[in-house]
Amino acid sequence: MAHVEDEGEEEQCFLVEPLFYDEAKEMAWALAERERRRREEDEMARKVAENLRRDEAHQTVKKSIIEYNTKLERNVYTRFFLRDFSVFDINELSLIPPMRYTDSMYEDEFALEDSANILSVSVVSSDVSLPINVYGSVIVRDSIDYKCIYLFRRHRDDCQVINDEDKTLILTGPDRGLVLVDFIYLEIDLKIRDLKDDKEDQDKQFSKGLISIDGRVLSRERDVVVRSETLESWLSTMEVRVATVLNTVEVTFEIKLLMGHLDGNITVGIKGIKEPILIHDSEADGVVTWDESRVVKLRRRVMTICLQEMLAFHIVNEADGVKGERTLDFTPKRTGSDHCNILCGAGVFGFTVVWSLMDFRM
């Protein structure tokens, strides 16, 4: 009996299939695992190298915009610095045009943006005697894309003379409406050209620095508030006059000299504000029109305005010994355009204004 059981046990053991070690599969798995680890290490090394490159690029730009302000006797940022400069080009121009939503349909509850109009940039005090020949740039950045929008841009061979009678820079921008959600930033970089020792390396830094306009603290009690910010740096103190405006639309304007001649000036502003913006001065600006289209050469052609205010143009024309003076008002709209022809002095002028909503969430 016991012998039979032993034989059965032996038979059962004989029927169990032995396990075999597959060396080829094991080697293939090991190679695949080694390759996976190598790819992970390469990817980690690539990320480390990329982070180092980005940090180096960021720090290089950041160091270049920190300078010692000789007037304040400390290091300051001279340009906008709140971006990752490994991916953000600090010198890139804003390509967003005006009149983006002129032809758009909208709903009445569409939110209107707050804005700011740069009224003037002027010299409050100078450590060097006037007159001086100034060149350089004034750049503004807003919440739409934080890229460069020039307000003032003159090369060394096209200086503006600053004297005791006129200490205000001739601004030629912005070329679209500015949105004031959190901050608007202005970068000032001006130099003096010495005509007596006319070598570029002898030019002096006149003003350089950064001004920020805080839109988070705007009063909601008044539609328009005029305020000023100052910049003390190098050889001067500069003042920027700003009109902050609530619930705005953008207005772009064009003026044509349809008949006759123009010799005078044209200003545009918001009714109730004492500081209209000079957009044409025949004496200072020279050529009245750009070409045969008869479009009047304007220093600026864009501003923003509250829907509750009135846009006012004031024109004085003394051409051909005939003096005329007219004021022309436009009621703001969310979109669309308006046209009007007027006679002033020895000229007939055609005004076109184009209204547009603004939206920083582009």
Protein backbone atom coordinates (compact mmCIF):
# COMPACT_ATOMS: atom_id res chain seq x y z
CA MET A 1 0.00 0.00 0.00
CA ALA A 2 2.74 2.32 0.98
CA HIS A 3 4.70 1.33 -2.11
CA VAL A 4 1.83 2.31 -4.41
CA GLU A 5 1.53 5.71 -2.76
CA ASP A 6 5.23 6.27 -3.24
CA GLU A 7 4.94 5.44 -6.93
CA GLY A 8 2.00 7.85 -7.26
CA GLU A 9 3.97 10.58 -5.58
CA GLU A 10 6.89 9.91 -7.89
CA GLU A 11 4.52 10.06 -10.90
CA GLN A 12 3.03 13.36 -9.72
CA CYS A 13 6.49 14.86 -9.31
CA PHE A 14 7.41 13.68 -12.76
CA LEU A 15 4.38 15.44 -14.30
CA VAL A 16 5.24 18.92 -12.90
CA GLU A 17 6.70 21.05 -15.73
CA PRO A 18 9.98 22.68 -14.68
CA LEU A 19 10.40 26.52 -14.95
CA PHE A 20 13.03 27.69 -17.46
CA TYR A 21 15.13 30.94 -17.20
CA ASP A 22 14.72 32.98 -20.46
CA GLU A 23 18.07 34.75 -20.69
CA ALA A 24 17.20 36.66 -23.90
CA LYS A 25 14.06 38.20 -22.44
CA GLU A 26 15.86 39.14 -19.23
CA MET A 27 18.63 40.88 -21.16
CA ALA A 28 16.09 42.73 -23.32
CA TRP A 29 14.25 43.94 -20.21
CA ALA A 30 17.49 45.07 -18.60
CA LEU A 31 18.51 46.98 -21.73
CA ALA A 32 15.08 48.63 -21.96
CA GLU A 33 15.24 49.63 -18.30
CA ARG A 34 18.74 51.02 -18.76
CA GLU A 35 17.55 53.03 -21.79
CA ARG A 36 14.55 54.37 -19.85
CA ARG A 37 16.79 55.52 -17.00
CA ARG A 38 19.20 57.11 -19.50
CA ARG A 39 16.34 59.06 -21.12
CA GLU A 40 15.12 60.21 -17.71
CA GLU A 41 18.63 61.36 -16.75
CA ASP A 42 19.06 63.13 -20.11
CA GLU A 43 15.70 64.86 -19.69
CA MET A 44 16.57 65.91 -16.15
CA ALA A 45 19.94 67.23 -17.32
CA ARG A 46 18.21 69.09 -20.18
CA LYS A 47 15.74 70.69 -17.78
CA VAL A 48 18.53 71.70 -15.40
CA ALA A 49 20.52 73.22 -18.28
CA GLU A 50 17.41 75.00 -19.61
CA ASN A 51 16.59 76.42 -16.17
CA LEU A 52 20.18 77.61 -15.79
CA ARG A 53 20.06 79.21 -19.25
CA ARG A 54 16.75 80.91 -18.52
CA ASP A 55 17.92 82.14 -15.14
CA GLU A 56 21.14 83.47 -16.66
CA ALA A 57 19.21 85.24 -19.42
CA HIS A 58 16.78 86.72 -16.89
CA GLN A 59 19.53 87.88 -14.55
CA THR A 60 21.55 89.39 -17.41
CA VAL A 61 18.66 91.65 -18.42
CA LYS A 62 17.73 92.40 -14.83
CA LYS A 63 21.27 93.49 -13.97
CA SER A 64 21.34 95.74 -17.04
CA ILE A 65 18.29 97.71 -15.84
CA ILE A 66 19.57 98.35 -12.32
CA GLU A 67 21.73 101.45 -12.19
CA TYR A 68 23.14 103.80 -9.60
CA ASN A 69 21.05 106.98 -9.51
CA THR A 70 23.55 109.73 -8.79
CA LYS A 71 20.85 112.12 -7.57
CA LEU A 72 19.25 109.65 -5.13
CA GLU A 73 22.62 107.99 -4.37
CA ARG A 74 21.27 104.44 -4.55
CA ASN A 75 20.63 101.65 -7.03
CA VAL A 76 17.26 101.80 -8.79
CA TYR A 77 15.40 100.01 -11.55
CA THR A 78 15.48 102.16 -14.66
CA ARG A 79 13.07 99.97 -16.65
CA PHE A 80 10.08 97.68 -16.17
CA PHE A 81 11.23 94.56 -14.33
CA LEU A 82 8.19 92.43 -13.45
CA ARG A 83 8.52 89.75 -16.13
CA ASP A 84 10.58 86.65 -16.86
CA PHE A 85 13.21 88.08 -19.22
CA SER A 86 14.19 84.65 -20.47
CA VAL A 87 10.97 84.69 -22.51
CA PHE A 88 9.92 88.38 -22.41
CA ASP A 89 11.71 90.78 -24.76
CA ILE A 90 12.01 94.07 -22.87
CA ASN A 91 12.51 95.99 -26.13
CA GLU A 92 9.65 94.47 -28.13
CA LEU A 93 7.09 96.92 -29.50
CA SER A 94 3.41 96.47 -28.80
CA LEU A 95 1.75 95.53 -32.07
CA ILE A 96 -1.80 95.91 -30.79
CA PRO A 97 -3.45 98.59 -32.94
CA PRO A 98 -6.12 101.15 -32.10
CA MET A 99 -9.76 100.77 -33.24
CA ARG A 100 -9.83 97.02 -32.46
CA TYR A 101 -13.57 96.91 -31.74
CA THR A 102 -14.87 99.82 -33.82
CA ASP A 103 -17.06 97.55 -35.94
CA SER A 104 -17.88 95.04 -33.20
CA MET A 105 -21.30 94.25 -31.85
CA TYR A 106 -21.54 94.55 -28.07
CA GLU A 107 -23.93 94.10 -25.21
CA ASP A 108 -24.85 97.05 -23.02
CA GLU A 109 -23.39 95.35 -19.95
CA PHE A 110 -19.98 94.98 -21.63
CA ALA A 111 -17.48 96.14 -19.02
CA LEU A 112 -15.63 99.35 -19.75
CA GLU A 113 -11.97 99.65 -18.80
CA ASP A 114 -10.31 102.41 -16.79
CA SER A 115 -7.54 104.26 -18.55
CA ALA A 116 -4.98 107.05 -18.38
CA ASN A 117 -4.04 109.85 -20.75
CA ILE A 118 -0.46 111.08 -20.48
CA LEU A 119 -0.95 114.83 -20.65
CA SER A 120 2.68 115.95 -20.50
CA VAL A 121 6.25 115.06 -19.61
CA SER A 122 8.25 118.12 -18.60
CA VAL A 123 11.44 119.27 -16.93
CA VAL A 124 10.75 120.59 -13.43
CA SER A 125 14.38 121.36 -12.63
CA SER A 126 17.73 120.97 -14.36
CA ASP A 127 21.21 120.81 -12.86
CA VAL A 128 22.63 122.14 -16.11
CA SER A 129 21.88 125.55 -17.56
CA LEU A 130 19.28 125.81 -20.31
CA PRO A 131 18.88 125.65 -23.25
CA ILE A 132 19.86 122.04 -23.82
CA ASN A 133 19.45 119.62 -26.72
CA VAL A 134 17.65 116.50 -25.53
CA TYR A 135 17.19 113.15 -27.22
CA GLY A 136 16.17 109.67 -26.09
CA SER A 137 12.87 108.01 -25.31
CA VAL A 138 9.82 107.87 -23.08
CA ILE A 139 8.08 104.49 -23.17
CA VAL A 140 4.76 103.50 -21.61
CA ARG A 141 3.54 99.94 -20.88
CA ASP A 142 0.03 98.86 -19.90
CA SER A 143 -1.81 95.75 -18.77
CA ILE A 144 -2.69 94.52 -22.25
CA ASP A 145 0.76 93.16 -23.10
CA TYR A 146 3.36 95.20 -21.15
CA LYS A 147 5.25 95.84 -24.38
CA CYS A 148 6.78 99.12 -25.53
CA ILE A 149 4.60 102.01 -26.66
CA TYR A 150 6.61 105.13 -27.47
CA LEU A 151 5.45 108.52 -26.24
CA PHE A 152 8.69 110.28 -27.16
CA ARG A 153 11.44 108.96 -29.42
CA ARG A 154 14.21 111.12 -30.83
CA HIS A 155 17.59 110.14 -32.18
CA ARG A 156 20.76 112.08 -31.54
CA ASP A 157 20.49 113.93 -34.84
CA ASP A 158 16.92 115.03 -34.07
CA CYS A 159 17.15 116.64 -30.63
CA GLN A 160 14.44 118.75 -29.02
CA VAL A 161 15.59 122.05 -27.60
CA ILE A 162 14.55 122.53 -23.97
CA ASN A 163 14.70 126.17 -22.86
CA ASP A 164 13.33 128.39 -20.12
CA GLU A 165 10.17 129.14 -22.10
CA ASP A 166 9.24 125.56 -23.02
CA LYS A 167 10.33 122.68 -20.84
CA THR A 168 7.77 120.16 -22.08
CA LEU A 169 8.66 117.25 -24.34
CA ILE A 170 6.78 117.00 -27.63
CA LEU A 171 4.96 113.69 -27.23
CA THR A 172 3.94 111.69 -30.29
CA GLY A 173 2.10 108.81 -28.65
CA PRO A 174 0.56 106.59 -27.54
CA ASP A 175 -0.76 105.11 -30.78
CA ARG A 176 -3.55 103.20 -28.98
CA GLY A 177 -5.59 103.63 -25.81
CA LEU A 178 -3.93 102.65 -22.53
CA VAL A 179 -5.69 100.28 -20.13
CA LEU A 180 -5.22 100.92 -16.40
CA VAL A 181 -6.06 97.68 -14.60
CA ASP A 182 -3.24 97.52 -12.06
CA PHE A 183 -0.28 99.66 -13.14
CA ILE A 184 0.89 101.68 -16.10
CA TYR A 185 4.67 102.01 -16.29
CA LEU A 186 6.69 104.82 -17.85
CA GLU A 187 10.37 104.51 -18.69
CA ILE A 188 12.30 107.75 -19.21
CA ASP A 189 15.75 107.73 -20.81
CA LEU A 190 16.97 111.15 -21.94
CA LYS A 191 20.44 112.42 -22.83
CA ILE A 192 21.95 115.82 -23.57
CA ARG A 193 23.87 116.37 -26.78
CA ASP A 194 26.70 118.87 -26.35
CA LEU A 195 26.94 120.74 -29.64
CA LYS A 196 30.24 122.39 -28.59
CA ASP A 197 31.97 119.04 -28.05
CA ASP A 198 29.97 117.00 -30.51
CA LYS A 199 31.13 113.50 -29.63
CA GLU A 200 28.58 110.91 -28.61
CA ASP A 201 30.73 109.62 -25.78
CA GLN A 202 30.62 113.14 -24.32
CA ASP A 203 26.80 113.18 -24.16
CA LYS A 204 25.42 113.33 -20.62
CA GLN A 205 22.63 111.32 -19.07
CA PHE A 206 19.91 113.84 -18.25
CA SER A 207 17.14 111.65 -16.87
CA LYS A 208 16.68 107.91 -16.51
CA GLY A 209 14.22 105.90 -14.47
CA LEU A 210 10.89 104.20 -13.98
CA ILE A 211 7.55 105.71 -12.95
CA SER A 212 4.50 103.61 -12.07
CA ILE A 213 0.88 104.77 -12.02
CA ASP A 214 -1.23 102.68 -9.65
CA GLY A 215 -4.69 101.97 -11.02
CA ARG A 216 -5.75 99.98 -7.96
CA VAL A 217 -6.28 103.13 -5.90
CA LEU A 218 -8.38 105.13 -8.35
CA SER A 219 -11.13 107.14 -6.75
CA ARG A 220 -14.57 106.11 -8.01
CA GLU A 221 -16.08 109.46 -7.03
CA ARG A 222 -14.87 111.40 -10.07
CA ASP A 223 -14.72 110.29 -13.68
CA VAL A 224 -11.46 112.13 -14.36
CA VAL A 225 -8.63 112.96 -11.98
CA VAL A 226 -5.45 114.79 -12.99
CA ARG A 227 -2.38 113.80 -11.02
CA SER A 228 1.38 114.13 -11.33
CA GLU A 229 4.36 111.85 -10.74
CA THR A 230 7.98 112.96 -10.52
CA LEU A 231 11.29 111.31 -11.30
CA GLU A 232 14.50 112.56 -9.70
CA SER A 233 17.55 111.21 -11.48
CA TRP A 234 20.95 112.16 -12.80
CA LEU A 235 20.79 115.85 -13.84
CA SER A 236 17.09 116.62 -13.59
CA THR A 237 13.69 116.24 -12.01
CA MET A 238 10.97 115.30 -14.49
CA GLU A 239 7.22 115.60 -13.99
CA VAL A 240 4.60 113.43 -15.71
CA ARG A 241 1.05 114.80 -15.74
CA VAL A 242 -1.60 112.10 -16.08
CA ALA A 243 -5.38 112.17 -16.36
CA THR A 244 -6.84 108.92 -15.01
CA VAL A 245 -10.26 108.20 -16.51
CA LEU A 246 -12.96 105.76 -15.39
CA ASN A 247 -15.10 103.58 -17.68
CA THR A 248 -13.51 104.65 -20.93
CA VAL A 249 -13.68 104.17 -24.65
CA GLU A 250 -10.82 104.76 -27.06
CA VAL A 251 -11.08 107.56 -29.62
CA THR A 252 -8.88 107.83 -32.70
CA PHE A 253 -9.11 111.01 -34.75
CA GLU A 254 -8.10 112.35 -38.14
CA ILE A 255 -8.29 115.92 -39.42
CA LYS A 256 -8.14 116.91 -43.08
CA LEU A 257 -7.61 120.34 -44.55
CA LEU A 258 -10.31 120.13 -47.22
CA MET A 259 -9.87 123.68 -48.55
CA GLY A 260 -7.70 126.72 -47.86
CA HIS A 261 -4.75 126.93 -45.47
CA LEU A 262 -3.84 126.30 -41.84
CA ASP A 263 -1.52 128.40 -39.74
CA GLY A 264 -2.26 127.95 -36.07
CA ASN A 265 -2.82 125.20 -33.55
CA ILE A 266 -5.28 122.45 -32.66
CA THR A 267 -5.88 120.99 -29.20
CA VAL A 268 -8.05 118.15 -27.98
CA GLY A 269 -9.27 117.46 -24.49
CA ILE A 270 -12.04 116.43 -22.17
CA LYS A 271 -14.46 119.16 -21.25
CA GLY A 272 -13.88 120.31 -17.71
CA ILE A 273 -10.16 119.46 -17.74
CA LYS A 274 -7.91 122.49 -17.85
CA GLU A 275 -5.10 120.70 -19.66
CA PRO A 276 -6.00 120.03 -23.31
CA ILE A 277 -3.46 118.17 -25.39
CA LEU A 278 -1.75 120.10 -28.18
CA ILE A 279 -1.93 117.92 -31.28
CA HIS A 280 -0.82 120.43 -33.95
CA ASP A 281 1.29 123.58 -33.90
CA SER A 282 1.96 124.95 -37.37
CA GLU A 283 4.99 126.96 -36.26
CA ALA A 284 6.73 124.16 -34.36
CA ASP A 285 5.62 121.21 -36.48
CA GLY A 286 6.41 122.71 -39.85
CA VAL A 287 4.60 120.89 -42.66
CA VAL A 288 0.85 121.14 -42.22
CA THR A 289 -0.13 117.97 -44.10
CA TRP A 290 1.60 114.66 -44.73
CA ASP A 291 0.88 114.46 -48.47
CA GLU A 292 -1.71 115.21 -51.14
CA SER A 293 -4.35 113.45 -49.01
CA ARG A 294 -4.56 116.73 -47.07
CA VAL A 295 -4.44 114.91 -43.74
CA VAL A 296 -3.15 117.35 -41.11
CA LYS A 297 0.08 116.27 -39.46
CA LEU A 298 -0.86 115.54 -35.83
CA ARG A 299 1.45 114.89 -32.91
CA ARG A 300 -1.03 112.46 -31.40
CA ARG A 301 -4.20 110.89 -32.72
CA VAL A 302 -5.42 108.62 -29.90
CA MET A 303 -6.79 109.22 -26.41
CA THR A 304 -9.37 107.71 -24.06
CA ILE A 305 -12.51 109.32 -22.66
CA CYS A 306 -15.29 108.53 -20.23
CA LEU A 307 -18.69 107.96 -21.83
CA GLN A 308 -20.17 110.67 -19.60
CA GLU A 309 -17.77 113.39 -20.81
CA MET A 310 -17.48 115.37 -24.04
CA LEU A 311 -14.54 115.29 -26.45
CA ALA A 312 -13.61 118.84 -27.42
CA PHE A 313 -11.41 120.02 -30.30
CA HIS A 314 -10.28 123.63 -30.35
CA ILE A 315 -8.76 125.08 -33.49
CA VAL A 316 -7.16 128.48 -34.05
CA ASN A 317 -6.31 129.40 -37.65
CA GLU A 318 -4.61 132.65 -38.67
CA ALA A 319 -3.69 131.74 -42.24
CA ASP A 320 -3.81 134.39 -44.99
CA GLY A 321 -4.45 137.13 -42.44
CA VAL A 322 -7.89 135.73 -41.60
CA LYS A 323 -8.17 134.75 -37.95
CA GLY A 324 -10.66 132.10 -36.98
CA GLU A 325 -11.32 130.17 -33.79
CA ARG A 326 -13.72 127.27 -33.39
CA THR A 327 -14.57 124.59 -30.83
CA LEU A 328 -16.04 121.29 -31.93
CA ASP A 329 -17.61 118.79 -29.50
CA PHE A 330 -18.26 115.07 -29.93
CA THR A 331 -20.36 112.82 -27.70
CA PRO A 332 -18.54 109.53 -27.00
CA LYS A 333 -19.96 106.21 -28.15
CA ARG A 334 -18.89 102.64 -27.50
CA THR A 335 -18.24 101.87 -31.18
CA GLY A 336 -18.68 103.46 -34.57
CA SER A 337 -17.50 106.80 -35.97
CA ASP A 338 -18.54 110.44 -36.42
CA HIS A 339 -17.73 113.01 -39.11
CA CYS A 340 -18.03 116.79 -39.22
CA ASN A 341 -16.81 119.59 -41.53
CA ILE A 342 -16.26 123.11 -40.23
CA LEU A 343 -15.03 126.46 -41.55
CA CYS A 344 -12.35 128.14 -39.45
CA GLY A 345 -10.50 131.19 -40.70
CA ALA A 346 -9.13 130.57 -44.18
CA GLY A 347 -9.63 126.82 -44.08
CA VAL A 348 -12.30 124.15 -44.22
CA PHE A 349 -11.53 121.17 -41.99
CA GLY A 350 -12.94 117.68 -41.95
CA PHE A 351 -12.94 115.90 -38.57
CA THR A 352 -13.33 112.13 -38.25
CA VAL A 353 -13.42 110.42 -34.86
CA VAL A 354 -13.55 106.65 -34.43
CA TRP A 355 -14.79 105.05 -31.21
CA SER A 356 -13.76 101.67 -29.89
CA LEU A 357 -14.13 99.55 -26.78
CA MET A 358 -10.96 98.35 -25.07
CA ASP A 359 -10.36 94.97 -23.49
CA PHE A 360 -7.18 93.92 -21.70
CA ARG A 361 -8.18 90.23 -21.79
CA MET A 362 -6.96 89.67 -25.32
